[in-house]
Amino acid sequence: MSAPVYHKAAIVTGAAGSLGQVISAHLLEAGFHVCLTDIDTAPLDGFAAQFEANHAMIARLDVRDAYSWQSVIEQVKAQWGGIGVLVNNAALTKTTPIFEISADEFDAVTAIAMKGTFLGCQLVGQKMRDQGYGRIINMASLAGQNGGAATGAHYAAAKGGIMTLTKVFARELAANGVTVNAISPGPLDLESVRKLLPAEKLEAVTKSIPAGTLGDAQYVAQIVALLASPQAASAIGSTFDVNGGLYLR
């Protein structure tokens, strides 16, 4: 008996960003149906056109807003009958020095990364719990483990919070056939990373990596696909490190 179509129906948040597009493309190429979401969907039009229309759909999502989440959930359910996979990838990356971070900037960064992940896990997780199946993958970061050597304190705190939320929801949903895991990349070889860090700082960061190179975003996407598979039933509440040896545990 084949699995329901919705087992391969995925929502990817922050899909317009560099890593979001890599993850989305890999899932689509692996046979998943993907709802590409972002607060600004304009950059996704050309990207989605590369794939079969019935495999990729675009939806505007403000991850900070529960009503926005409910709208996307209903759209995906109408399209594919349910949601099998959620990739909480949306984030606002800032490198502001700690004593220069305003209260508003702190709220903005943590609201997108941590509150957005919480709402996704809560609202999509409820649907997955009710249907008895689901795979949630949260994008954490090395910054949440080492305090953010190259990023802002607010970003590091949000990513650390995501790893804790992963454990909380993993414990809550495990008995209902829903797994929740996180991936914690170090600096990746992405255009967004090159734009974020000045050339001299990026060079210093790269030299500090024991592996001597920036991480491969395609490899991160492959881990997402593995954790999104039905065979990943025993991966529960884990954080998968991909940092070139910068953080060992």
C-alpha atoms as a PDB file:
ATOM      1  CA  MET A   1       0.000   0.000   0.000  1.00  0.00           C
ATOM      2  CA  SER A   2       1.516   3.331  -1.046  1.00  0.00           C
ATOM      3  CA  ALA A   3       1.877   6.220   1.391  1.00  0.00           C
ATOM      4  CA  PRO A   4      -0.589   9.112   1.153  1.00  0.00           C
ATOM      5  CA  VAL A   5       0.462  11.968  -1.135  1.00  0.00           C
ATOM      6  CA  TYR A   6       0.694  14.365   1.808  1.00  0.00           C
ATOM      7  CA  HIS A   7       3.586  12.369   3.293  1.00  0.00           C
ATOM      8  CA  LYS A   8       5.717  14.070   0.633  1.00  0.00           C
ATOM      9  CA  ALA A   9       4.034  17.483   0.887  1.00  0.00           C
ATOM     10  CA  ALA A  10       6.458  19.964   2.432  1.00  0.00           C
ATOM     11  CA  ILE A  11       6.384  23.555   3.607  1.00  0.00           C
ATOM     12  CA  VAL A  12       9.718  25.399   3.487  1.00  0.00           C
ATOM     13  CA  THR A  13       9.880  28.777   5.225  1.00  0.00           C
ATOM     14  CA  GLY A  14      12.334  31.433   4.104  1.00  0.00           C
ATOM     15  CA  ALA A  15      12.373  29.712   0.718  1.00  0.00           C
ATOM     16  CA  ALA A  16      13.437  32.862  -1.131  1.00  0.00           C
ATOM     17  CA  GLY A  17      16.795  32.954   0.654  1.00  0.00           C
ATOM     18  CA  SER A  18      19.968  31.246  -0.531  1.00  0.00           C
ATOM     19  CA  LEU A  19      19.736  28.207   1.746  1.00  0.00           C
ATOM     20  CA  GLY A  20      15.952  28.062   1.391  1.00  0.00           C
ATOM     21  CA  GLN A  21      16.245  27.733  -2.372  1.00  0.00           C
ATOM     22  CA  VAL A  22      18.916  25.030  -2.102  1.00  0.00           C
ATOM     23  CA  ILE A  23      16.775  23.021   0.333  1.00  0.00           C
ATOM     24  CA  SER A  24      13.605  23.496  -1.726  1.00  0.00           C
ATOM     25  CA  ALA A  25      15.296  22.500  -4.984  1.00  0.00           C
ATOM     26  CA  HIS A  26      16.735  19.354  -3.450  1.00  0.00           C
ATOM     27  CA  LEU A  27      13.382  18.310  -1.975  1.00  0.00           C
ATOM     28  CA  LEU A  28      11.666  18.898  -5.329  1.00  0.00           C
ATOM     29  CA  GLU A  29      14.323  16.895  -7.152  1.00  0.00           C
ATOM     30  CA  ALA A  30      13.885  14.111  -4.577  1.00  0.00           C
ATOM     31  CA  GLY A  31      10.189  13.832  -5.426  1.00  0.00           C
ATOM     32  CA  PHE A  32       8.611  15.982  -2.725  1.00  0.00           C
ATOM     33  CA  HIS A  33       5.817  18.482  -3.334  1.00  0.00           C
ATOM     34  CA  VAL A  34       6.976  21.798  -1.892  1.00  0.00           C
ATOM     35  CA  CYS A  35       5.100  24.886  -0.784  1.00  0.00           C
ATOM     36  CA  LEU A  36       7.670  27.666  -1.124  1.00  0.00           C
ATOM     37  CA  THR A  37       6.931  30.344   1.450  1.00  0.00           C
ATOM     38  CA  ASP A  38       8.410  33.712   2.314  1.00  0.00           C
ATOM     39  CA  ILE A  39       7.162  37.112   3.424  1.00  0.00           C
ATOM     40  CA  ASP A  40       8.230  38.411  -0.019  1.00  0.00           C
ATOM     41  CA  THR A  41       7.364  35.843  -2.665  1.00  0.00           C
ATOM     42  CA  ALA A  42       8.476  37.837  -5.726  1.00  0.00           C
ATOM     43  CA  PRO A  43      11.936  36.177  -5.877  1.00  0.00           C
ATOM     44  CA  LEU A  44      10.245  32.755  -5.928  1.00  0.00           C
ATOM     45  CA  ASP A  45       8.355  33.175  -9.218  1.00  0.00           C
ATOM     46  CA  GLY A  46      11.282  32.394 -11.498  1.00  0.00           C
ATOM     47  CA  PHE A  47      12.609  29.754  -9.120  1.00  0.00           C
ATOM     48  CA  ALA A  48       9.312  27.827  -8.971  1.00  0.00           C
ATOM     49  CA  ALA A  49       8.952  27.970 -12.758  1.00  0.00           C
ATOM     50  CA  GLN A  50      11.872  25.532 -13.041  1.00  0.00           C
ATOM     51  CA  PHE A  51       9.760  22.747 -11.555  1.00  0.00           C
ATOM     52  CA  GLU A  52       6.497  20.973 -12.406  1.00  0.00           C
ATOM     53  CA  ALA A  53       3.502  23.124 -11.521  1.00  0.00           C
ATOM     54  CA  ASN A  54       1.823  20.398  -9.492  1.00  0.00           C
ATOM     55  CA  HIS A  55       5.001  19.860  -7.429  1.00  0.00           C
ATOM     56  CA  ALA A  56       5.800  23.450  -6.435  1.00  0.00           C
ATOM     57  CA  MET A  57       3.437  26.093  -5.144  1.00  0.00           C
ATOM     58  CA  ILE A  58       4.128  29.559  -3.726  1.00  0.00           C
ATOM     59  CA  ALA A  59       2.460  31.062  -0.663  1.00  0.00           C
ATOM     60  CA  ARG A  60       3.137  34.253   1.258  1.00  0.00           C
ATOM     61  CA  LEU A  61       3.909  33.525   4.887  1.00  0.00           C
ATOM     62  CA  ASP A  62       4.765  35.828   7.750  1.00  0.00           C
ATOM     63  CA  VAL A  63       6.169  33.278  10.192  1.00  0.00           C
ATOM     64  CA  ARG A  64       5.537  35.658  13.098  1.00  0.00           C
ATOM     65  CA  ASP A  65       1.761  35.556  12.560  1.00  0.00           C
ATOM     66  CA  ALA A  66      -0.464  32.614  13.502  1.00  0.00           C
ATOM     67  CA  TYR A  67      -3.193  33.608  11.038  1.00  0.00           C
ATOM     68  CA  SER A  68      -0.650  33.646   8.215  1.00  0.00           C
ATOM     69  CA  TRP A  69       0.397  30.136   9.190  1.00  0.00           C
ATOM     70  CA  GLN A  70      -3.207  28.943   9.216  1.00  0.00           C
ATOM     71  CA  SER A  71      -3.739  30.329   5.717  1.00  0.00           C
ATOM     72  CA  VAL A  72      -0.722  28.442   4.353  1.00  0.00           C
ATOM     73  CA  ILE A  73      -1.725  25.252   6.158  1.00  0.00           C
ATOM     74  CA  GLU A  74      -5.158  25.380   4.518  1.00  0.00           C
ATOM     75  CA  GLN A  75      -3.658  26.068   1.083  1.00  0.00           C
ATOM     76  CA  VAL A  76      -1.321  23.082   1.324  1.00  0.00           C
ATOM     77  CA  LYS A  77      -4.070  20.845   2.658  1.00  0.00           C
ATOM     78  CA  ALA A  78      -6.313  21.826  -0.262  1.00  0.00           C
ATOM     79  CA  GLN A  79      -3.513  21.158  -2.750  1.00  0.00           C
ATOM     80  CA  TRP A  80      -2.082  17.884  -1.438  1.00  0.00           C
ATOM     81  CA  GLY A  81      -4.424  16.630   1.285  1.00  0.00           C
ATOM     82  CA  GLY A  82      -2.190  17.375   4.258  1.00  0.00           C
ATOM     83  CA  ILE A  83       1.348  18.257   5.321  1.00  0.00           C
ATOM     84  CA  GLY A  84       4.037  15.633   5.744  1.00  0.00           C
ATOM     85  CA  VAL A  85       7.121  17.818   6.131  1.00  0.00           C
ATOM     86  CA  LEU A  86       7.900  21.224   7.619  1.00  0.00           C
ATOM     87  CA  VAL A  87      11.288  22.901   7.236  1.00  0.00           C
ATOM     88  CA  ASN A  88      11.565  25.909   9.562  1.00  0.00           C
ATOM     89  CA  ASN A  89      14.289  27.819   7.752  1.00  0.00           C
ATOM     90  CA  ALA A  90      13.224  31.487   7.945  1.00  0.00           C
ATOM     91  CA  ALA A  91      15.669  33.761   9.765  1.00  0.00           C
ATOM     92  CA  LEU A  92      16.944  37.323   9.880  1.00  0.00           C
ATOM     93  CA  THR A  93      20.726  37.241  10.159  1.00  0.00           C
ATOM     94  CA  LYS A  94      22.418  40.236  11.757  1.00  0.00           C
ATOM     95  CA  THR A  95      26.007  40.809  12.886  1.00  0.00           C
ATOM     96  CA  THR A  96      25.394  43.938  14.978  1.00  0.00           C
ATOM     97  CA  PRO A  97      27.867  44.263  17.890  1.00  0.00           C
ATOM     98  CA  ILE A  98      26.234  43.301  21.170  1.00  0.00           C
ATOM     99  CA  PHE A  99      26.166  46.788  22.739  1.00  0.00           C
ATOM    100  CA  GLU A 100      24.696  48.283  19.573  1.00  0.00           C
ATOM    101  CA  ILE A 101      21.688  45.947  19.298  1.00  0.00           C
ATOM    102  CA  SER A 102      18.499  47.907  19.858  1.00  0.00           C
ATOM    103  CA  ALA A 103      15.473  46.399  21.581  1.00  0.00           C
ATOM    104  CA  ASP A 104      13.546  46.588  18.302  1.00  0.00           C
ATOM    105  CA  GLU A 105      16.284  44.790  16.387  1.00  0.00           C
ATOM    106  CA  PHE A 106      16.474  42.104  19.069  1.00  0.00           C
ATOM    107  CA  ASP A 107      12.720  41.570  18.808  1.00  0.00           C
ATOM    108  CA  ALA A 108      12.831  41.457  14.996  1.00  0.00           C
ATOM    109  CA  VAL A 109      15.565  38.828  14.855  1.00  0.00           C
ATOM    110  CA  THR A 110      14.148  36.567  17.567  1.00  0.00           C
ATOM    111  CA  ALA A 111      10.573  36.901  16.295  1.00  0.00           C
ATOM    112  CA  ILE A 112      11.423  35.546  12.853  1.00  0.00           C
ATOM    113  CA  ALA A 113      13.804  32.766  13.866  1.00  0.00           C
ATOM    114  CA  MET A 114      12.541  31.593  17.250  1.00  0.00           C
ATOM    115  CA  LYS A 115       8.886  32.679  17.390  1.00  0.00           C
ATOM    116  CA  GLY A 116       8.459  31.647  13.759  1.00  0.00           C
ATOM    117  CA  THR A 117       9.867  28.201  14.519  1.00  0.00           C
ATOM    118  CA  PHE A 118       7.645  27.887  17.587  1.00  0.00           C
ATOM    119  CA  LEU A 119       4.492  28.757  15.635  1.00  0.00           C
ATOM    120  CA  GLY A 120       5.429  26.393  12.829  1.00  0.00           C
ATOM    121  CA  CYS A 121       6.074  23.506  15.212  1.00  0.00           C
ATOM    122  CA  GLN A 122       2.901  24.265  17.158  1.00  0.00           C
ATOM    123  CA  LEU A 123       0.410  24.853  14.345  1.00  0.00           C
ATOM    124  CA  VAL A 124       1.730  22.433  11.731  1.00  0.00           C
ATOM    125  CA  GLY A 125       2.675  19.991  14.496  1.00  0.00           C
ATOM    126  CA  GLN A 126      -0.965  19.839  15.615  1.00  0.00           C
ATOM    127  CA  LYS A 127      -2.069  18.874  12.101  1.00  0.00           C
ATOM    128  CA  MET A 128       0.657  16.257  11.867  1.00  0.00           C
ATOM    129  CA  ARG A 129      -0.286  14.870  15.278  1.00  0.00           C
ATOM    130  CA  ASP A 130      -3.909  14.536  14.228  1.00  0.00           C
ATOM    131  CA  GLN A 131      -3.020  12.731  10.995  1.00  0.00           C
ATOM    132  CA  GLY A 132      -0.493  10.479  12.778  1.00  0.00           C
ATOM    133  CA  TYR A 133       2.526  11.351  10.644  1.00  0.00           C
ATOM    134  CA  GLY A 134       4.979  14.191  10.159  1.00  0.00           C
ATOM    135  CA  ARG A 135       8.578  15.293   9.849  1.00  0.00           C
ATOM    136  CA  ILE A 136       9.692  18.669  11.208  1.00  0.00           C
ATOM    137  CA  ILE A 137      13.214  19.927  10.507  1.00  0.00           C
ATOM    138  CA  ASN A 138      14.355  23.125  12.228  1.00  0.00           C
ATOM    139  CA  MET A 139      17.341  25.061  10.920  1.00  0.00           C
ATOM    140  CA  ALA A 140      19.508  25.951  13.907  1.00  0.00           C
ATOM    141  CA  SER A 141      23.088  27.234  13.694  1.00  0.00           C
ATOM    142  CA  LEU A 142      26.563  26.853  15.102  1.00  0.00           C
ATOM    143  CA  ALA A 143      25.951  30.350  16.513  1.00  0.00           C
ATOM    144  CA  GLY A 144      23.442  28.855  18.937  1.00  0.00           C
ATOM    145  CA  GLN A 145      26.104  26.465  20.227  1.00  0.00           C
ATOM    146  CA  ASN A 146      29.229  28.629  20.440  1.00  0.00           C
ATOM    147  CA  GLY A 147      27.654  32.015  21.165  1.00  0.00           C
ATOM    148  CA  GLY A 148      27.896  33.407  17.648  1.00  0.00           C
ATOM    149  CA  ALA A 149      31.538  34.270  16.946  1.00  0.00           C
ATOM    150  CA  ALA A 150      30.633  35.791  13.560  1.00  0.00           C
ATOM    151  CA  THR A 151      26.978  36.731  14.140  1.00  0.00           C
ATOM    152  CA  GLY A 152      24.951  38.888  16.506  1.00  0.00           C
ATOM    153  CA  ALA A 153      23.974  37.914  20.047  1.00  0.00           C
ATOM    154  CA  HIS A 154      20.278  38.064  19.138  1.00  0.00           C
ATOM    155  CA  TYR A 155      20.761  35.672  16.217  1.00  0.00           C
ATOM    156  CA  ALA A 156      22.806  33.291  18.391  1.00  0.00           C
ATOM    157  CA  ALA A 157      20.196  33.382  21.157  1.00  0.00           C
ATOM    158  CA  ALA A 158      17.378  32.683  18.709  1.00  0.00           C
ATOM    159  CA  LYS A 159      19.224  29.736  17.192  1.00  0.00           C
ATOM    160  CA  GLY A 160      19.989  28.345  20.637  1.00  0.00           C
ATOM    161  CA  GLY A 161      16.294  28.651  21.433  1.00  0.00           C
ATOM    162  CA  ILE A 162      15.448  26.707  18.289  1.00  0.00           C
ATOM    163  CA  MET A 163      17.496  23.748  19.504  1.00  0.00           C
ATOM    164  CA  THR A 164      15.607  23.776  22.801  1.00  0.00           C
ATOM    165  CA  LEU A 165      12.249  24.055  21.034  1.00  0.00           C
ATOM    166  CA  THR A 166      13.273  21.083  18.905  1.00  0.00           C
ATOM    167  CA  LYS A 167      13.657  18.925  22.011  1.00  0.00           C
ATOM    168  CA  VAL A 168      10.398  20.161  23.542  1.00  0.00           C
ATOM    169  CA  PHE A 169       8.292  19.444  20.451  1.00  0.00           C
ATOM    170  CA  ALA A 170      10.126  16.186  19.727  1.00  0.00           C
ATOM    171  CA  ARG A 171       9.158  14.844  23.130  1.00  0.00           C
ATOM    172  CA  GLU A 172       5.570  16.056  22.768  1.00  0.00           C
ATOM    173  CA  LEU A 173       4.945  14.632  19.285  1.00  0.00           C
ATOM    174  CA  ALA A 174       7.025  11.440  19.178  1.00  0.00           C
ATOM    175  CA  ALA A 175       4.177   9.141  20.216  1.00  0.00           C
ATOM    176  CA  ASN A 176       2.035  10.439  17.343  1.00  0.00           C
ATOM    177  CA  GLY A 177       4.359   9.483  14.500  1.00  0.00           C
ATOM    178  CA  VAL A 178       5.831  12.977  14.241  1.00  0.00           C
ATOM    179  CA  THR A 179       9.585  13.523  14.461  1.00  0.00           C
ATOM    180  CA  VAL A 180      11.249  16.864  15.196  1.00  0.00           C
ATOM    181  CA  ASN A 181      14.961  17.425  14.592  1.00  0.00           C
ATOM    182  CA  ALA A 182      17.367  20.281  13.962  1.00  0.00           C
ATOM    183  CA  ILE A 183      20.348  20.896  11.711  1.00  0.00           C
ATOM    184  CA  SER A 184      23.105  23.182  12.967  1.00  0.00           C
ATOM    185  CA  PRO A 185      25.322  24.421  10.132  1.00  0.00           C
ATOM    186  CA  GLY A 186      28.470  26.451  10.512  1.00  0.00           C
ATOM    187  CA  PRO A 187      29.383  29.031   7.849  1.00  0.00           C
ATOM    188  CA  LEU A 188      28.156  27.835   4.449  1.00  0.00           C
ATOM    189  CA  ASP A 189      29.414  28.582   0.960  1.00  0.00           C
ATOM    190  CA  LEU A 190      26.449  30.760   0.027  1.00  0.00           C
ATOM    191  CA  GLU A 191      26.062  34.165  -1.568  1.00  0.00           C
ATOM    192  CA  SER A 192      24.104  35.327   1.488  1.00  0.00           C
ATOM    193  CA  VAL A 193      27.084  34.533   3.734  1.00  0.00           C
ATOM    194  CA  ARG A 194      29.458  36.406   1.427  1.00  0.00           C
ATOM    195  CA  LYS A 195      27.164  39.437   1.518  1.00  0.00           C
ATOM    196  CA  LEU A 196      26.876  39.301   5.298  1.00  0.00           C
ATOM    197  CA  LEU A 197      30.586  39.133   6.094  1.00  0.00           C
ATOM    198  CA  PRO A 198      33.246  41.504   4.718  1.00  0.00           C
ATOM    199  CA  ALA A 199      35.880  39.689   2.632  1.00  0.00           C
ATOM    200  CA  GLU A 200      38.592  39.964   5.286  1.00  0.00           C
ATOM    201  CA  LYS A 201      36.299  38.654   8.026  1.00  0.00           C
ATOM    202  CA  LEU A 202      35.075  35.796   5.820  1.00  0.00           C
ATOM    203  CA  GLU A 203      38.687  34.865   5.111  1.00  0.00           C
ATOM    204  CA  ALA A 204      39.452  34.818   8.832  1.00  0.00           C
ATOM    205  CA  VAL A 205      36.374  32.701   9.535  1.00  0.00           C
ATOM    206  CA  THR A 206      37.329  30.234   6.810  1.00  0.00           C
ATOM    207  CA  LYS A 207      40.867  29.927   8.169  1.00  0.00           C
ATOM    208  CA  SER A 208      39.462  29.174  11.626  1.00  0.00           C
ATOM    209  CA  ILE A 209      37.553  26.142  10.352  1.00  0.00           C
ATOM    210  CA  PRO A 210      39.524  22.916  10.986  1.00  0.00           C
ATOM    211  CA  ALA A 211      38.309  21.498   7.656  1.00  0.00           C
ATOM    212  CA  GLY A 212      39.672  24.629   5.965  1.00  0.00           C
ATOM    213  CA  THR A 213      36.586  25.342   3.888  1.00  0.00           C
ATOM    214  CA  LEU A 214      33.065  26.708   4.098  1.00  0.00           C
ATOM    215  CA  GLY A 215      30.262  24.159   4.404  1.00  0.00           C
ATOM    216  CA  ASP A 216      28.353  22.715   1.455  1.00  0.00           C
ATOM    217  CA  ALA A 217      24.706  23.861   1.392  1.00  0.00           C
ATOM    218  CA  GLN A 218      23.788  20.943  -0.874  1.00  0.00           C
ATOM    219  CA  TYR A 219      24.917  18.547   1.845  1.00  0.00           C
ATOM    220  CA  VAL A 220      22.703  20.346   4.363  1.00  0.00           C
ATOM    221  CA  ALA A 221      19.795  19.918   1.932  1.00  0.00           C
ATOM    222  CA  GLN A 222      20.554  16.206   1.683  1.00  0.00           C
ATOM    223  CA  ILE A 223      20.306  15.907   5.474  1.00  0.00           C
ATOM    224  CA  VAL A 224      16.958  17.723   5.338  1.00  0.00           C
ATOM    225  CA  ALA A 225      15.695  15.170   2.811  1.00  0.00           C
ATOM    226  CA  LEU A 226      16.917  12.264   4.947  1.00  0.00           C
ATOM    227  CA  LEU A 227      15.173  13.626   8.031  1.00  0.00           C
ATOM    228  CA  ALA A 228      12.040  14.220   5.923  1.00  0.00           C
ATOM    229  CA  SER A 229      11.832  10.577   4.864  1.00  0.00           C
ATOM    230  CA  PRO A 230       9.533   7.957   6.413  1.00  0.00           C
ATOM    231  CA  GLN A 231      12.643   5.956   7.361  1.00  0.00           C
ATOM    232  CA  ALA A 232      13.706   8.724   9.790  1.00  0.00           C
ATOM    233  CA  ALA A 233      11.251   7.535  12.456  1.00  0.00           C
ATOM    234  CA  SER A 234      13.953   6.982  15.087  1.00  0.00           C
ATOM    235  CA  ALA A 235      15.634  10.382  14.666  1.00  0.00           C
ATOM    236  CA  ILE A 236      13.904  12.316  17.423  1.00  0.00           C
ATOM    237  CA  GLY A 237      15.001  15.547  19.075  1.00  0.00           C
ATOM    238  CA  SER A 238      18.488  15.455  17.572  1.00  0.00           C
ATOM    239  CA  THR A 239      20.666  18.293  16.346  1.00  0.00           C
ATOM    240  CA  PHE A 240      22.864  17.361  13.395  1.00  0.00           C
ATOM    241  CA  ASP A 241      26.105  19.366  13.328  1.00  0.00           C
ATOM    242  CA  VAL A 242      27.651  20.446  10.017  1.00  0.00           C
ATOM    243  CA  ASN A 243      30.387  22.878  11.006  1.00  0.00           C
ATOM    244  CA  GLY A 244      33.713  21.673   9.619  1.00  0.00           C
ATOM    245  CA  GLY A 245      35.011  20.864  13.105  1.00  0.00           C
ATOM    246  CA  LEU A 246      34.426  24.287  14.658  1.00  0.00           C
ATOM    247  CA  TYR A 247      32.293  22.793  17.427  1.00  0.00           C
ATOM    248  CA  LEU A 248      32.729  19.235  18.679  1.00  0.00           C
ATOM    249  CA  ARG A 249      30.654  17.417  21.260  1.00  0.00           C
END
